[in-house]
């Protein structure tokens, strides 16, 4: 993507490409919403805190089998962090690619110029405690914390939709 994007345009781009993007927010370094569903900022904070240094994204499966709610995705670049709640039918690998492209095209208004694309960093994938899980040191507590944080994000999405409907 050659265009320079603002956080709001990056989310608009992702919403048009994804078939099952439930909600999204872009946060600044202090956790304030720059764009998107700002009611998600508080629920997104625990997921953002779980993104270790040197890791480009966090992907957490929320629910399993018939109870699958989807995926929580967190990615950081250029002083902004995107947090997405994605339903279970979304093409996850394609969405992860699109998210990386959108973040690479973010404009840092503080610098007034295009920032270089973020270097390719590994992903931390939490796919349920009973499955193969990629975590630093295979820490079961970290896995459970990530899953609960993902559940909190989806609960905030549901609460936001109920509030919007009256």
Protein backbone atom coordinates (compact mmCIF):
# COMPACT_ATOMS: atom_id res chain seq x y z
CA UNK A 1 0.00 0.00 0.00
CA UNK A 2 1.65 3.23 -1.10
CA UNK A 3 -0.87 5.66 0.38
CA UNK A 4 -0.29 7.38 3.69
CA UNK A 5 -3.09 6.58 6.12
CA UNK A 6 -4.44 8.18 9.24
CA UNK A 7 -5.62 5.79 11.97
CA UNK A 8 -9.24 6.38 10.93
CA UNK A 9 -8.49 5.61 7.28
CA UNK A 10 -6.53 2.50 8.27
CA UNK A 11 -9.59 1.15 10.10
CA UNK A 12 -11.87 2.06 7.21
CA UNK A 13 -9.54 0.15 4.88
CA UNK A 14 -9.63 -2.91 7.16
CA UNK A 15 -13.43 -2.80 7.53
CA UNK A 16 -13.87 -2.79 3.76
CA UNK A 17 -11.57 -5.77 3.31
CA UNK A 18 -12.77 -7.98 6.16
CA UNK A 19 -15.88 -10.12 6.10
CA UNK A 20 -16.14 -10.48 9.88
CA UNK A 21 -14.45 -7.53 11.60
CA UNK A 22 -16.73 -6.94 14.61
CA UNK A 23 -15.03 -3.89 16.13
CA UNK A 24 -11.68 -2.12 16.07
CA UNK A 25 -9.84 0.66 17.81
CA UNK A 26 -6.48 2.34 17.26
CA UNK A 27 -4.81 3.54 20.46
CA UNK A 28 -1.93 5.91 21.07
CA UNK A 29 0.99 5.09 23.38
CA UNK A 30 -1.04 6.27 26.38
CA UNK A 31 -4.03 4.02 25.56
CA UNK A 32 -6.30 6.81 24.29
CA UNK A 33 -8.42 6.05 21.24
CA UNK A 34 -7.15 7.67 18.04
CA UNK A 35 -9.83 6.10 15.84
CA UNK A 36 -12.52 3.47 15.86
CA UNK A 37 -14.75 2.17 18.62
CA UNK A 38 -13.44 4.29 21.49
CA UNK A 39 -15.55 2.40 24.05
CA UNK A 40 -13.15 -0.50 23.45
CA UNK A 41 -10.09 1.37 24.72
CA UNK A 42 -10.42 0.14 28.31
CA UNK A 43 -11.12 -3.46 27.26
CA UNK A 44 -8.20 -3.37 24.80
CA UNK A 45 -5.67 -2.25 27.42
CA UNK A 46 -5.05 -5.73 28.95
CA UNK A 47 -4.39 -7.15 25.49
CA UNK A 48 -2.00 -4.33 24.64
CA UNK A 49 -0.11 -4.96 27.88
CA UNK A 50 0.34 -8.62 26.89
CA UNK A 51 2.16 -7.71 23.66
CA UNK A 52 5.80 -8.32 24.60
CA UNK A 53 8.66 -6.20 23.32
CA UNK A 54 10.09 -7.65 20.13
CA UNK A 55 6.77 -9.21 19.09
CA UNK A 56 4.86 -7.64 16.20
CA UNK A 57 1.39 -8.87 17.01
CA UNK A 58 -0.71 -10.83 19.45
CA UNK A 59 -3.41 -13.15 18.12
CA UNK A 60 -5.78 -14.72 20.65
CA UNK A 61 -8.49 -17.27 19.88
CA UNK A 62 -11.58 -16.48 21.95
CA UNK A 63 -13.80 -19.51 22.55
CA UNK A 64 -13.67 -22.92 20.97
CA UNK A 65 -15.90 -25.19 18.88
CA UNK A 66 -19.55 -24.12 18.89
CA UNK A 67 -18.70 -21.46 21.48
CA UNK A 68 -16.10 -19.75 19.26
CA UNK A 69 -16.44 -16.01 19.43
CA UNK A 70 -13.55 -15.28 17.12
CA UNK A 71 -10.10 -13.76 17.41
CA UNK A 72 -8.60 -10.76 19.16
CA UNK A 73 -5.74 -9.19 17.19
CA UNK A 74 -3.28 -6.62 18.53
CA UNK A 75 -0.55 -5.02 16.43
CA UNK A 76 1.69 -2.02 17.05
CA UNK A 77 3.52 0.41 14.73
CA UNK A 78 4.46 4.11 14.56
CA UNK A 79 3.23 4.97 18.04
CA UNK A 80 -0.18 3.43 17.43
CA UNK A 81 -1.65 0.09 18.45
CA UNK A 82 -4.56 -1.50 16.60
CA UNK A 83 -6.87 -3.86 18.48
CA UNK A 84 -9.42 -5.83 16.47
CA UNK A 85 -12.26 -8.16 17.47
CA UNK A 86 -12.77 -10.53 14.56
CA UNK A 87 -15.52 -13.13 14.21
CA UNK A 88 -14.80 -16.81 13.65
CA UNK A 89 -15.44 -16.79 9.88
CA UNK A 90 -12.91 -14.08 9.01
CA UNK A 91 -9.97 -15.16 6.83
CA UNK A 92 -7.52 -14.66 9.68
CA UNK A 93 -4.22 -14.87 7.78
CA UNK A 94 -5.45 -12.42 5.14
CA UNK A 95 -6.68 -10.02 7.82
CA UNK A 96 -3.34 -10.24 9.64
CA UNK A 97 -1.60 -9.34 6.37
CA UNK A 98 -3.98 -6.43 5.73
CA UNK A 99 -3.51 -5.16 9.29
CA UNK A 100 0.28 -5.18 8.86
CA UNK A 101 -0.06 -3.27 5.57
CA UNK A 102 -2.40 -0.70 7.12
CA UNK A 103 -0.07 -0.13 10.05
CA UNK A 104 2.91 0.17 7.73
CA UNK A 105 1.10 2.98 5.91
CA UNK A 106 0.18 4.95 9.03
CA UNK A 107 1.25 8.55 9.05
CA UNK A 108 2.82 9.83 12.25
CA UNK A 109 1.36 13.34 12.47
CA UNK A 110 3.85 14.26 15.19
CA UNK A 111 6.74 13.64 12.80
CA UNK A 112 4.93 15.16 9.82
CA UNK A 113 6.30 12.54 7.47
CA UNK A 114 5.89 8.97 6.40
CA UNK A 115 7.59 6.56 8.76
CA UNK A 116 9.45 3.51 7.48
CA UNK A 117 7.53 0.24 7.48
CA UNK A 118 7.91 -1.65 10.75
CA UNK A 119 10.43 -4.44 10.68
CA UNK A 120 9.00 -7.89 10.46
CA UNK A 121 8.49 -9.17 13.98
CA UNK A 122 7.25 -12.56 15.14
CA UNK A 123 3.67 -13.08 16.25
CA UNK A 124 2.50 -14.40 19.58
CA UNK A 125 -0.41 -16.77 18.89
CA UNK A 126 -2.63 -18.03 21.70
CA UNK A 127 -4.90 -20.73 20.33
CA UNK A 128 -6.40 -22.18 23.50
CA UNK A 129 -4.81 -24.06 26.38
CA UNK A 130 -5.49 -27.50 24.94
CA UNK A 131 -3.77 -26.77 21.63
CA UNK A 132 -0.28 -25.92 20.54
CA UNK A 133 0.40 -22.47 21.84
CA UNK A 134 3.28 -20.18 20.99
CA UNK A 135 4.10 -18.22 24.12
CA UNK A 136 7.31 -16.99 25.66
CA UNK A 137 8.41 -20.01 27.68
CA UNK A 138 5.04 -21.75 27.23
CA UNK A 139 3.67 -19.94 30.29
CA UNK A 140 0.17 -21.32 31.01
CA UNK A 141 -0.69 -18.26 33.12
CA UNK A 142 0.10 -16.00 30.16
CA UNK A 143 -2.15 -18.14 27.95
CA UNK A 144 -5.08 -17.89 30.36
CA UNK A 145 -4.52 -14.16 30.85
CA UNK A 146 -4.57 -13.61 27.07
CA UNK A 147 -7.74 -15.65 26.66
CA UNK A 148 -9.51 -13.75 29.46
CA UNK A 149 -8.37 -10.43 28.00
CA UNK A 150 -9.74 -11.51 24.61
CA UNK A 151 -13.04 -12.45 26.23
CA UNK A 152 -13.15 -9.02 27.86
CA UNK A 153 -12.72 -7.39 24.45
CA UNK A 154 -15.62 -9.38 22.97
CA UNK A 155 -17.77 -8.59 26.02
CA UNK A 156 -17.09 -4.87 25.44
CA UNK A 157 -18.04 -5.27 21.76
CA UNK A 158 -21.34 -6.91 22.77
CA UNK A 159 -22.03 -4.25 25.41
CA UNK A 160 -21.34 -1.50 22.88
CA UNK A 161 -23.80 -3.01 20.41
CA UNK A 162 -26.48 -3.34 23.10
CA UNK A 163 -25.91 0.29 24.08
CA UNK A 164 -26.15 1.43 20.46
CA UNK A 165 -29.47 -0.41 20.03
CA UNK A 166 -31.10 1.28 22.97
